[in-house]
Structure formats: C-alpha cells, structure tokens
C-alpha cells in the first residue's frame, strides 16, 4: 500500500494547518517542502508506521511538549521531526505553535552552522595509498577541504575493509581529475 494513501487523512490535516501560514509549498527531495523567502522551514511526509512533520532548523525550537526527535543522533544536527500515527493525536494548536516558531526563527535568520574543523584525519587506507602514489596525494591535497572530507567520509563509512578498498579504487580517478565525490549532483 502506498504510504501517502494510507496516511491521507493525517497528511491532509497537516496541510490544512500549514496553508493557514505564509509558507509556500514546493517539491524537493521527492517530498512536500514548505519555504519562506526560499528558505526551507518544514517538510511533511508519510512513512510505513507514521506521518511526520520535519523542521529543518528544529534544533532552535523550544519544544515545550517534548515531541521533537532527532532522527540520527550524532549525524543529524539541526533537523527535528514530530511523528503522528493518527489524526486523533494531532493537536492543531500545538502543531501551529511549532510551525509559527519555525517561521519566526526563519525570519530571524537562525540557521545551523556546521562546526568548522581545519583538521582532517586521514584514514589509514588512504594514507597508505598516498605513500605509494605521490601524484594521488598531491591531487587530494589540491581539493578543497570540503571535497577532502566527502571522500574521507565515503571511505570511513564502509564497515568492511574490502568495501573500503573498493571505494578507494573507484574514487582514485575522480580525485586525480580534481572532481568532488558529489559534484555531478550539484548545480
């Protein structure tokens, strides 16, 4: 069963609340995103076991009812969401409180800024590749620190050594060309 059909009443309930605000509806990442002056404020979506309203800068919300969840502790920094499993548990006034606060935070320009870290820890497997190939090391050092971090995280996120080696072999030509891991997806 399509999740959007299963949760149609809950999604409509949320849309009916959001439409009362100044937010503009758009489509991003395959979902309904609501923006203010082109800034992402919130998103709604249906999943297998719940419907959720996501606040892009939810880390700044006061959360008086203790309903917001960080979906991936340690990874997700600013995004917070509120899950619902039925229209009956949805309180329009409370939901509107959170939405209005999120709108005010957007107007104030509150945005999560990632911590800047100049120090990049090179994984052992990559360090070994640099030792055996100076041109590869030089090409990596020419990349911006952002692109370097993308490659490092790509290798480090693999659990098995075999996967790390495979990823290293696949990214090596890209690094030698000075291309970032996700450049093809950027505008």
C-alpha atoms as a PDB file:
ATOM      1  CA  UNK A   1       0.000   0.000   0.000  1.00  0.00           C
ATOM      2  CA  UNK A   2       1.255   3.476  -0.882  1.00  0.00           C
ATOM      3  CA  UNK A   3       2.161   5.314   2.334  1.00  0.00           C
ATOM      4  CA  UNK A   4       0.582   8.539   1.072  1.00  0.00           C
ATOM      5  CA  UNK A   5      -2.767   6.760   0.609  1.00  0.00           C
ATOM      6  CA  UNK A   6      -2.521   5.010   3.986  1.00  0.00           C
ATOM      7  CA  UNK A   7      -1.860   8.331   5.741  1.00  0.00           C
ATOM      8  CA  UNK A   8      -4.011  10.562   3.524  1.00  0.00           C
ATOM      9  CA  UNK A   9      -6.157  11.941   6.392  1.00  0.00           C
ATOM     10  CA  UNK A  10      -3.125  12.765   8.531  1.00  0.00           C
ATOM     11  CA  UNK A  11      -1.330  14.484   5.642  1.00  0.00           C
ATOM     12  CA  UNK A  12      -4.448  16.488   4.786  1.00  0.00           C
ATOM     13  CA  UNK A  13      -4.758  17.532   8.433  1.00  0.00           C
ATOM     14  CA  UNK A  14      -1.181  18.858   8.394  1.00  0.00           C
ATOM     15  CA  UNK A  15      -1.670  20.600   5.037  1.00  0.00           C
ATOM     16  CA  UNK A  16      -4.822  22.293   6.351  1.00  0.00           C
ATOM     17  CA  UNK A  17      -2.779  23.751   9.216  1.00  0.00           C
ATOM     18  CA  UNK A  18       0.189  24.778   7.082  1.00  0.00           C
ATOM     19  CA  UNK A  19      -1.986  26.503   4.465  1.00  0.00           C
ATOM     20  CA  UNK A  20      -3.070  28.972   7.185  1.00  0.00           C
ATOM     21  CA  UNK A  21       0.508  30.265   7.356  1.00  0.00           C
ATOM     22  CA  UNK A  22       2.623  32.330   4.988  1.00  0.00           C
ATOM     23  CA  UNK A  23       4.701  29.312   3.955  1.00  0.00           C
ATOM     24  CA  UNK A  24       4.950  28.419   0.284  1.00  0.00           C
ATOM     25  CA  UNK A  25       4.650  24.807  -0.838  1.00  0.00           C
ATOM     26  CA  UNK A  26       7.284  23.351  -3.127  1.00  0.00           C
ATOM     27  CA  UNK A  27       8.634  19.913  -4.027  1.00  0.00           C
ATOM     28  CA  UNK A  28      12.160  18.921  -3.027  1.00  0.00           C
ATOM     29  CA  UNK A  29      13.798  15.548  -2.474  1.00  0.00           C
ATOM     30  CA  UNK A  30      10.559  13.896  -3.597  1.00  0.00           C
ATOM     31  CA  UNK A  31       8.537  15.452  -0.795  1.00  0.00           C
ATOM     32  CA  UNK A  32       6.442  18.437   0.220  1.00  0.00           C
ATOM     33  CA  UNK A  33       8.685  21.195   1.490  1.00  0.00           C
ATOM     34  CA  UNK A  34       7.361  24.486   2.816  1.00  0.00           C
ATOM     35  CA  UNK A  35       9.569  27.546   2.469  1.00  0.00           C
ATOM     36  CA  UNK A  36       9.742  31.199   3.436  1.00  0.00           C
ATOM     37  CA  UNK A  37      11.753  33.500   1.155  1.00  0.00           C
ATOM     38  CA  UNK A  38      13.341  30.389  -0.409  1.00  0.00           C
ATOM     39  CA  UNK A  39      14.475  29.122   2.999  1.00  0.00           C
ATOM     40  CA  UNK A  40      13.416  25.586   3.922  1.00  0.00           C
ATOM     41  CA  UNK A  41      11.225  25.723   7.033  1.00  0.00           C
ATOM     42  CA  UNK A  42       9.455  22.367   7.202  1.00  0.00           C
ATOM     43  CA  UNK A  43       8.560  19.231   5.318  1.00  0.00           C
ATOM     44  CA  UNK A  44       5.787  16.682   5.719  1.00  0.00           C
ATOM     45  CA  UNK A  45       5.892  13.058   4.716  1.00  0.00           C
ATOM     46  CA  UNK A  46       4.359   9.640   5.154  1.00  0.00           C
ATOM     47  CA  UNK A  47       6.349   6.605   6.166  1.00  0.00           C
ATOM     48  CA  UNK A  48       5.473   2.987   6.852  1.00  0.00           C
ATOM     49  CA  UNK A  49       4.489   3.470  10.511  1.00  0.00           C
ATOM     50  CA  UNK A  50       3.847   7.190  10.865  1.00  0.00           C
ATOM     51  CA  UNK A  51       3.382  10.624   9.335  1.00  0.00           C
ATOM     52  CA  UNK A  52       5.928  13.255  10.210  1.00  0.00           C
ATOM     53  CA  UNK A  53       6.450  16.988  10.132  1.00  0.00           C
ATOM     54  CA  UNK A  54      10.146  17.841   9.794  1.00  0.00           C
ATOM     55  CA  UNK A  55      11.584  21.168  10.912  1.00  0.00           C
ATOM     56  CA  UNK A  56      14.782  21.975   9.033  1.00  0.00           C
ATOM     57  CA  UNK A  57      16.128  24.127  11.873  1.00  0.00           C
ATOM     58  CA  UNK A  58      14.247  22.275  14.582  1.00  0.00           C
ATOM     59  CA  UNK A  59      17.271  22.399  16.859  1.00  0.00           C
ATOM     60  CA  UNK A  60      16.248  26.006  17.624  1.00  0.00           C
ATOM     61  CA  UNK A  61      12.645  25.170  18.571  1.00  0.00           C
ATOM     62  CA  UNK A  62      11.816  25.345  22.287  1.00  0.00           C
ATOM     63  CA  UNK A  63       9.859  22.045  22.136  1.00  0.00           C
ATOM     64  CA  UNK A  64       7.614  22.712  25.180  1.00  0.00           C
ATOM     65  CA  UNK A  65       5.701  19.442  24.681  1.00  0.00           C
ATOM     66  CA  UNK A  66       8.854  17.330  24.233  1.00  0.00           C
ATOM     67  CA  UNK A  67       7.671  15.866  20.933  1.00  0.00           C
ATOM     68  CA  UNK A  68      10.609  16.514  18.620  1.00  0.00           C
ATOM     69  CA  UNK A  69      13.004  13.741  17.708  1.00  0.00           C
ATOM     70  CA  UNK A  70      16.467  13.809  16.170  1.00  0.00           C
ATOM     71  CA  UNK A  71      16.302  11.051  13.585  1.00  0.00           C
ATOM     72  CA  UNK A  72      20.018  10.193  13.657  1.00  0.00           C
ATOM     73  CA  UNK A  73      21.828  11.174  16.830  1.00  0.00           C
ATOM     74  CA  UNK A  74      25.407  12.087  16.075  1.00  0.00           C
ATOM     75  CA  UNK A  75      24.691  12.710  12.391  1.00  0.00           C
ATOM     76  CA  UNK A  76      21.645  14.963  12.081  1.00  0.00           C
ATOM     77  CA  UNK A  77      22.473  18.316  13.638  1.00  0.00           C
ATOM     78  CA  UNK A  78      19.572  20.713  13.002  1.00  0.00           C
ATOM     79  CA  UNK A  79      16.687  18.636  11.631  1.00  0.00           C
ATOM     80  CA  UNK A  80      13.960  17.573  14.073  1.00  0.00           C
ATOM     81  CA  UNK A  81      10.655  15.826  13.438  1.00  0.00           C
ATOM     82  CA  UNK A  82       7.351  15.147  15.132  1.00  0.00           C
ATOM     83  CA  UNK A  83       5.710  11.788  14.403  1.00  0.00           C
ATOM     84  CA  UNK A  84       1.992  11.017  14.331  1.00  0.00           C
ATOM     85  CA  UNK A  85       0.126   7.738  13.925  1.00  0.00           C
ATOM     86  CA  UNK A  86      -3.430   9.100  13.742  1.00  0.00           C
ATOM     87  CA  UNK A  87      -5.402  12.312  13.275  1.00  0.00           C
ATOM     88  CA  UNK A  88      -6.759  11.847  16.800  1.00  0.00           C
ATOM     89  CA  UNK A  89      -3.349  12.522  18.334  1.00  0.00           C
ATOM     90  CA  UNK A  90      -2.801  15.664  16.238  1.00  0.00           C
ATOM     91  CA  UNK A  91      -3.459  18.877  18.158  1.00  0.00           C
ATOM     92  CA  UNK A  92      -3.823  21.739  15.691  1.00  0.00           C
ATOM     93  CA  UNK A  93      -2.974  24.448  18.232  1.00  0.00           C
ATOM     94  CA  UNK A  94       0.215  22.722  19.360  1.00  0.00           C
ATOM     95  CA  UNK A  95       1.316  21.977  15.799  1.00  0.00           C
ATOM     96  CA  UNK A  96       0.643  25.590  14.830  1.00  0.00           C
ATOM     97  CA  UNK A  97       2.774  26.775  17.792  1.00  0.00           C
ATOM     98  CA  UNK A  98       5.747  24.846  16.446  1.00  0.00           C
ATOM     99  CA  UNK A  99       5.171  25.994  12.868  1.00  0.00           C
ATOM    100  CA  UNK A 100       4.875  29.657  13.902  1.00  0.00           C
ATOM    101  CA  UNK A 101       8.057  29.425  15.965  1.00  0.00           C
ATOM    102  CA  UNK A 102       9.850  27.815  12.999  1.00  0.00           C
ATOM    103  CA  UNK A 103       8.636  30.665  10.755  1.00  0.00           C
ATOM    104  CA  UNK A 104       9.853  33.275  13.259  1.00  0.00           C
ATOM    105  CA  UNK A 105      13.213  31.535  13.501  1.00  0.00           C
ATOM    106  CA  UNK A 106      13.496  31.609   9.703  1.00  0.00           C
ATOM    107  CA  UNK A 107      12.700  35.330   9.697  1.00  0.00           C
ATOM    108  CA  UNK A 108      15.407  35.873  12.339  1.00  0.00           C
ATOM    109  CA  UNK A 109      17.860  34.011  10.127  1.00  0.00           C
ATOM    110  CA  UNK A 110      18.539  31.248  12.634  1.00  0.00           C
ATOM    111  CA  UNK A 111      20.471  28.597  10.721  1.00  0.00           C
ATOM    112  CA  UNK A 112      22.569  25.727  11.937  1.00  0.00           C
ATOM    113  CA  UNK A 113      26.200  26.322  11.055  1.00  0.00           C
ATOM    114  CA  UNK A 114      28.350  23.199  10.928  1.00  0.00           C
ATOM    115  CA  UNK A 115      31.416  23.282  13.112  1.00  0.00           C
ATOM    116  CA  UNK A 116      34.449  24.285  11.117  1.00  0.00           C
ATOM    117  CA  UNK A 117      37.314  21.938  11.609  1.00  0.00           C
ATOM    118  CA  UNK A 118      40.590  22.575   9.871  1.00  0.00           C
ATOM    119  CA  UNK A 119      41.979  19.263  10.995  1.00  0.00           C
ATOM    120  CA  UNK A 120      41.148  16.349   8.726  1.00  0.00           C
ATOM    121  CA  UNK A 121      42.022  12.872   9.940  1.00  0.00           C
ATOM    122  CA  UNK A 122      43.172  10.767   7.003  1.00  0.00           C
ATOM    123  CA  UNK A 123      42.135   7.098   7.235  1.00  0.00           C
ATOM    124  CA  UNK A 124      44.978   4.592   7.253  1.00  0.00           C
ATOM    125  CA  UNK A 125      43.898   3.045   3.943  1.00  0.00           C
ATOM    126  CA  UNK A 126      44.040   6.453   2.232  1.00  0.00           C
ATOM    127  CA  UNK A 127      47.360   7.302   3.900  1.00  0.00           C
ATOM    128  CA  UNK A 128      48.824   4.065   2.507  1.00  0.00           C
ATOM    129  CA  UNK A 129      47.595   4.986  -0.980  1.00  0.00           C
ATOM    130  CA  UNK A 130      49.287   8.390  -0.656  1.00  0.00           C
ATOM    131  CA  UNK A 131      52.557   6.739   0.370  1.00  0.00           C
ATOM    132  CA  UNK A 132      52.569   4.542  -2.716  1.00  0.00           C
ATOM    133  CA  UNK A 133      51.425   7.252  -5.169  1.00  0.00           C
ATOM    134  CA  UNK A 134      52.700  10.817  -4.739  1.00  0.00           C
ATOM    135  CA  UNK A 135      50.619  12.205  -7.634  1.00  0.00           C
ATOM    136  CA  UNK A 136      47.478  10.836  -5.948  1.00  0.00           C
ATOM    137  CA  UNK A 137      48.461  12.521  -2.676  1.00  0.00           C
ATOM    138  CA  UNK A 138      49.169  15.812  -4.472  1.00  0.00           C
ATOM    139  CA  UNK A 139      45.805  15.678  -6.280  1.00  0.00           C
ATOM    140  CA  UNK A 140      43.996  15.038  -2.990  1.00  0.00           C
ATOM    141  CA  UNK A 141      45.752  17.973  -1.323  1.00  0.00           C
ATOM    142  CA  UNK A 142      44.657  20.246  -4.198  1.00  0.00           C
ATOM    143  CA  UNK A 143      40.990  19.526  -3.404  1.00  0.00           C
ATOM    144  CA  UNK A 144      39.053  21.849  -1.119  1.00  0.00           C
ATOM    145  CA  UNK A 145      38.758  20.665   2.472  1.00  0.00           C
ATOM    146  CA  UNK A 146      35.021  20.096   1.838  1.00  0.00           C
ATOM    147  CA  UNK A 147      35.775  17.683  -1.015  1.00  0.00           C
ATOM    148  CA  UNK A 148      38.505  16.000   1.007  1.00  0.00           C
ATOM    149  CA  UNK A 149      36.058  15.415   3.858  1.00  0.00           C
ATOM    150  CA  UNK A 150      33.473  13.973   1.458  1.00  0.00           C
ATOM    151  CA  UNK A 151      35.979  11.401   0.219  1.00  0.00           C
ATOM    152  CA  UNK A 152      37.205  10.589   3.727  1.00  0.00           C
ATOM    153  CA  UNK A 153      33.644  10.061   4.993  1.00  0.00           C
ATOM    154  CA  UNK A 154      32.851   7.936   1.937  1.00  0.00           C
ATOM    155  CA  UNK A 155      35.744   5.604   2.739  1.00  0.00           C
ATOM    156  CA  UNK A 156      35.245   5.657   6.522  1.00  0.00           C
ATOM    157  CA  UNK A 157      31.531   4.872   6.302  1.00  0.00           C
ATOM    158  CA  UNK A 158      32.299   1.430   4.855  1.00  0.00           C
ATOM    159  CA  UNK A 159      32.303  -1.250   7.518  1.00  0.00           C
ATOM    160  CA  UNK A 160      34.393  -3.894   5.766  1.00  0.00           C
ATOM    161  CA  UNK A 161      37.985  -3.442   4.662  1.00  0.00           C
ATOM    162  CA  UNK A 162      37.141  -4.930   1.247  1.00  0.00           C
ATOM    163  CA  UNK A 163      34.488  -2.246   0.720  1.00  0.00           C
ATOM    164  CA  UNK A 164      36.919   0.476   1.774  1.00  0.00           C
ATOM    165  CA  UNK A 165      39.455  -0.795  -0.793  1.00  0.00           C
ATOM    166  CA  UNK A 166      36.788  -0.966  -3.486  1.00  0.00           C
ATOM    167  CA  UNK A 167      35.663   2.596  -2.750  1.00  0.00           C
ATOM    168  CA  UNK A 168      39.246   3.826  -2.803  1.00  0.00           C
ATOM    169  CA  UNK A 169      39.795   2.316  -6.253  1.00  0.00           C
ATOM    170  CA  UNK A 170      36.587   3.894  -7.573  1.00  0.00           C
ATOM    171  CA  UNK A 171      37.330   7.386  -6.256  1.00  0.00           C
ATOM    172  CA  UNK A 172      41.009   7.496  -7.193  1.00  0.00           C
ATOM    173  CA  UNK A 173      40.400   8.572 -10.832  1.00  0.00           C
ATOM    174  CA  UNK A 174      37.964  11.255  -9.649  1.00  0.00           C
ATOM    175  CA  UNK A 175      40.499  12.666  -7.198  1.00  0.00           C
ATOM    176  CA  UNK A 176      43.205  12.648  -9.883  1.00  0.00           C
ATOM    177  CA  UNK A 177      40.837  14.682 -12.093  1.00  0.00           C
ATOM    178  CA  UNK A 178      40.159  17.131  -9.248  1.00  0.00           C
ATOM    179  CA  UNK A 179      36.490  16.198  -9.128  1.00  0.00           C
ATOM    180  CA  UNK A 180      34.483  16.089  -5.889  1.00  0.00           C
ATOM    181  CA  UNK A 181      32.618  12.947  -4.868  1.00  0.00           C
ATOM    182  CA  UNK A 182      29.167  14.517  -5.384  1.00  0.00           C
ATOM    183  CA  UNK A 183      29.960  17.221  -7.959  1.00  0.00           C
ATOM    184  CA  UNK A 184      27.716  15.635 -10.586  1.00  0.00           C
ATOM    185  CA  UNK A 185      24.705  16.222  -8.308  1.00  0.00           C
ATOM    186  CA  UNK A 186      25.457  19.879  -7.633  1.00  0.00           C
ATOM    187  CA  UNK A 187      24.210  22.692  -9.838  1.00  0.00           C
END
